[in-house]
Structures are given as C-alpha cells and as structure tokens.
Amino acid sequence: MTDDYPLYISWRRITEYLIELCGSYPRNVRFTLCDRITNISLDVLEAIIEAIYAKQKTDILQSANLYMEKLRALMQISVNKKYISVRQYEHITREINEAGKMLGGWKRSCGG
C-alpha cells in the first residue's frame, strides 16, 4: 500500500541515495554526522509510513517536516566541510525540497 504514495516512493529513493552518499564521507565523521543523516532520513521514512496508516496525520506530518529541516542543515554542514560536492548538495537539496512540497500539500489536504 505504501507504494501508492508518491512521497513514500520519493523519500525511499532519497534515503537510499543518502545511505550510499555517506559511504564516501571521511571515516572520522561516519559514526557521527553520517549516522545522524541516515537516522534522520529513516525517521522521515518512518513518519511517512505512520502517516499513511494514521487517522490523525497532521502531527506526524509536522514531525516529518521538522526532520527534513534538520536534514537540510546537516547537508549544509556536509557541503561546507567538503564531505560532499556542490553538485551532490544541489541534487539532494532539490530532492528534499520536492519531497517537502509533497509533504506540505498532504498536510494542507488534512487541514493542517
């Protein structure tokens, strides 16, 4: 059933990309910054799944939106520290922003 939701499909793809991207980070930040990036991305994915099945979706979607903001900040740190290229940063930021628009539309349709 989750495959019927474009946001779920999009975010799953983003999560897979971020997991792969973290493999190229320096070893000294893999267990700090990369773990946070991966965990927050997985938190968003879990929140989307919860929202799909929940009757009251607004709070869950708000939480997912907050996680997306945290992820944007971590990606800014990543590009500033040169752990990822500007091109990679632009790509992932575009993807997160597009997912954020989908999430916002879903939230508005729920009355939130």
C-alpha atoms as a PDB file:
ATOM      1  CA  MET A   1       0.000   0.000   0.000  1.00  0.00           C
ATOM      2  CA  THR A   2       2.847   2.415   0.699  1.00  0.00           C
ATOM      3  CA  ASP A   3       3.890   2.228  -2.964  1.00  0.00           C
ATOM      4  CA  ASP A   4       0.673   4.086  -3.809  1.00  0.00           C
ATOM      5  CA  TYR A   5       2.089   7.249  -2.227  1.00  0.00           C
ATOM      6  CA  PRO A   6       4.495   9.315  -4.350  1.00  0.00           C
ATOM      7  CA  LEU A   7       6.023  10.898  -1.233  1.00  0.00           C
ATOM      8  CA  TYR A   8       6.890   7.474   0.160  1.00  0.00           C
ATOM      9  CA  ILE A   9       8.494   6.408  -3.122  1.00  0.00           C
ATOM     10  CA  SER A  10      10.413   9.681  -3.397  1.00  0.00           C
ATOM     11  CA  TRP A  11      11.648   9.603   0.186  1.00  0.00           C
ATOM     12  CA  ARG A  12      12.692   5.968  -0.022  1.00  0.00           C
ATOM     13  CA  ARG A  13      14.820   6.907  -3.030  1.00  0.00           C
ATOM     14  CA  ILE A  14      16.297   9.867  -1.109  1.00  0.00           C
ATOM     15  CA  THR A  15      17.134   7.616   1.843  1.00  0.00           C
ATOM     16  CA  GLU A  16      18.858   5.090  -0.404  1.00  0.00           C
ATOM     17  CA  TYR A  17      20.877   7.904  -2.016  1.00  0.00           C
ATOM     18  CA  LEU A  18      21.904   9.329   1.370  1.00  0.00           C
ATOM     19  CA  ILE A  19      22.985   5.925   2.670  1.00  0.00           C
ATOM     20  CA  GLU A  20      25.140   5.469  -0.422  1.00  0.00           C
ATOM     21  CA  LEU A  21      26.482   9.029  -0.213  1.00  0.00           C
ATOM     22  CA  CYS A  22      27.537   8.571   3.415  1.00  0.00           C
ATOM     23  CA  GLY A  23      29.870   5.787   2.315  1.00  0.00           C
ATOM     24  CA  SER A  24      32.145   8.421   0.787  1.00  0.00           C
ATOM     25  CA  TYR A  25      32.400  10.582   3.929  1.00  0.00           C
ATOM     26  CA  PRO A  26      35.693  10.578   5.823  1.00  0.00           C
ATOM     27  CA  ARG A  27      35.978   7.847   8.409  1.00  0.00           C
ATOM     28  CA  ASN A  28      36.202  10.317  11.297  1.00  0.00           C
ATOM     29  CA  VAL A  29      32.628  11.586  10.671  1.00  0.00           C
ATOM     30  CA  ARG A  30      30.928   8.380   9.549  1.00  0.00           C
ATOM     31  CA  PHE A  31      29.813   7.476  13.051  1.00  0.00           C
ATOM     32  CA  THR A  32      28.680  10.976  13.949  1.00  0.00           C
ATOM     33  CA  LEU A  33      27.458  13.064  11.040  1.00  0.00           C
ATOM     34  CA  CYS A  34      26.632  10.137   8.749  1.00  0.00           C
ATOM     35  CA  ASP A  35      24.760   8.284  11.459  1.00  0.00           C
ATOM     36  CA  ARG A  36      22.654  11.404  12.120  1.00  0.00           C
ATOM     37  CA  ILE A  37      21.970  11.896   8.395  1.00  0.00           C
ATOM     38  CA  THR A  38      20.964   8.268   7.963  1.00  0.00           C
ATOM     39  CA  ASN A  39      18.890   8.126  11.140  1.00  0.00           C
ATOM     40  CA  ILE A  40      17.016  11.342  10.392  1.00  0.00           C
ATOM     41  CA  SER A  41      16.307  10.184   6.856  1.00  0.00           C
ATOM     42  CA  LEU A  42      14.961   6.912   8.242  1.00  0.00           C
ATOM     43  CA  ASP A  43      12.893   8.882  10.781  1.00  0.00           C
ATOM     44  CA  VAL A  44      11.245  10.764   7.912  1.00  0.00           C
ATOM     45  CA  LEU A  45      10.562   7.488   6.117  1.00  0.00           C
ATOM     46  CA  GLU A  46       9.002   6.012   9.259  1.00  0.00           C
ATOM     47  CA  ALA A  47       6.885   9.132   9.782  1.00  0.00           C
ATOM     48  CA  ILE A  48       5.584   8.922   6.219  1.00  0.00           C
ATOM     49  CA  ILE A  49       4.623   5.278   6.752  1.00  0.00           C
ATOM     50  CA  GLU A  50       2.925   6.163  10.047  1.00  0.00           C
ATOM     51  CA  ALA A  51       1.007   8.998   8.380  1.00  0.00           C
ATOM     52  CA  ILE A  52      -0.196   6.682   5.628  1.00  0.00           C
ATOM     53  CA  TYR A  53      -1.878   4.461   8.199  1.00  0.00           C
ATOM     54  CA  ALA A  54      -2.856   7.042  10.849  1.00  0.00           C
ATOM     55  CA  LYS A  55      -6.244   8.678  11.174  1.00  0.00           C
ATOM     56  CA  GLN A  56      -4.721  11.865  12.627  1.00  0.00           C
ATOM     57  CA  LYS A  57      -1.931  12.698  10.204  1.00  0.00           C
ATOM     58  CA  THR A  58      -1.174  16.371  10.907  1.00  0.00           C
ATOM     59  CA  ASP A  59       1.172  15.948  13.894  1.00  0.00           C
ATOM     60  CA  ILE A  60       3.049  13.124  12.201  1.00  0.00           C
ATOM     61  CA  LEU A  61       3.499  15.159   9.016  1.00  0.00           C
ATOM     62  CA  GLN A  62       4.668  18.152  11.069  1.00  0.00           C
ATOM     63  CA  SER A  63       7.258  15.921  12.706  1.00  0.00           C
ATOM     64  CA  ALA A  64       8.436  14.677   9.293  1.00  0.00           C
ATOM     65  CA  ASN A  65       8.752  18.283   8.132  1.00  0.00           C
ATOM     66  CA  LEU A  66      10.920  19.122  11.149  1.00  0.00           C
ATOM     67  CA  TYR A  67      13.169  16.131  10.395  1.00  0.00           C
ATOM     68  CA  MET A  68      13.538  17.371   6.811  1.00  0.00           C
ATOM     69  CA  GLU A  69      14.705  20.753   8.126  1.00  0.00           C
ATOM     70  CA  LYS A  70      17.278  19.038  10.325  1.00  0.00           C
ATOM     71  CA  LEU A  71      18.473  17.043   7.338  1.00  0.00           C
ATOM     72  CA  ARG A  72      18.864  20.205   5.267  1.00  0.00           C
ATOM     73  CA  ALA A  73      21.096  21.662   7.997  1.00  0.00           C
ATOM     74  CA  LEU A  74      23.255  18.531   8.109  1.00  0.00           C
ATOM     75  CA  MET A  75      23.631  18.590   4.335  1.00  0.00           C
ATOM     76  CA  GLN A  76      24.742  22.243   4.530  1.00  0.00           C
ATOM     77  CA  ILE A  77      27.406  21.233   7.036  1.00  0.00           C
ATOM     78  CA  SER A  78      28.440  18.398   4.719  1.00  0.00           C
ATOM     79  CA  VAL A  79      28.985  20.675   1.741  1.00  0.00           C
ATOM     80  CA  ASN A  80      30.656  23.399   3.837  1.00  0.00           C
ATOM     81  CA  LYS A  81      33.141  20.846   5.196  1.00  0.00           C
ATOM     82  CA  LYS A  82      33.589  19.482   1.656  1.00  0.00           C
ATOM     83  CA  TYR A  83      32.394  15.976   2.561  1.00  0.00           C
ATOM     84  CA  ILE A  84      30.141  16.173  -0.493  1.00  0.00           C
ATOM     85  CA  SER A  85      30.438  18.158  -3.700  1.00  0.00           C
ATOM     86  CA  VAL A  86      28.349  21.200  -4.512  1.00  0.00           C
ATOM     87  CA  ARG A  87      26.707  19.141  -7.258  1.00  0.00           C
ATOM     88  CA  GLN A  88      25.728  16.411  -4.790  1.00  0.00           C
ATOM     89  CA  TYR A  89      24.445  19.041  -2.365  1.00  0.00           C
ATOM     90  CA  GLU A  90      22.349  20.707  -5.063  1.00  0.00           C
ATOM     91  CA  HIS A  91      20.922  17.355  -6.101  1.00  0.00           C
ATOM     92  CA  ILE A  92      19.931  16.220  -2.624  1.00  0.00           C
ATOM     93  CA  THR A  93      18.594  19.661  -1.701  1.00  0.00           C
ATOM     94  CA  ARG A  94      16.364  19.654  -4.790  1.00  0.00           C
ATOM     95  CA  GLU A  95      15.079  16.202  -3.874  1.00  0.00           C
ATOM     96  CA  ILE A  96      14.417  17.159  -0.244  1.00  0.00           C
ATOM     97  CA  ASN A  97      12.668  20.375  -1.314  1.00  0.00           C
ATOM     98  CA  GLU A  98      10.443  18.497  -3.754  1.00  0.00           C
ATOM     99  CA  ALA A  99       9.547  15.971  -1.056  1.00  0.00           C
ATOM    100  CA  GLY A 100       8.871  18.871   1.301  1.00  0.00           C
ATOM    101  CA  LYS A 101       6.409  20.338  -1.197  1.00  0.00           C
ATOM    102  CA  MET A 102       4.611  16.997  -1.430  1.00  0.00           C
ATOM    103  CA  LEU A 103       4.528  16.741   2.349  1.00  0.00           C
ATOM    104  CA  GLY A 104       3.172  20.291   2.650  1.00  0.00           C
ATOM    105  CA  GLY A 105       0.427  19.551   0.151  1.00  0.00           C
ATOM    106  CA  TRP A 106      -0.524  16.406   2.018  1.00  0.00           C
ATOM    107  CA  LYS A 107      -0.569  18.308   5.293  1.00  0.00           C
ATOM    108  CA  ARG A 108      -2.797  21.046   3.829  1.00  0.00           C
ATOM    109  CA  SER A 109      -5.203  18.441   2.469  1.00  0.00           C
ATOM    110  CA  CYS A 110      -5.514  17.075   6.019  1.00  0.00           C
ATOM    111  CA  GLY A 111      -6.449  20.508   7.312  1.00  0.00           C
ATOM    112  CA  GLY A 112      -3.095  21.254   8.908  1.00  0.00           C
END
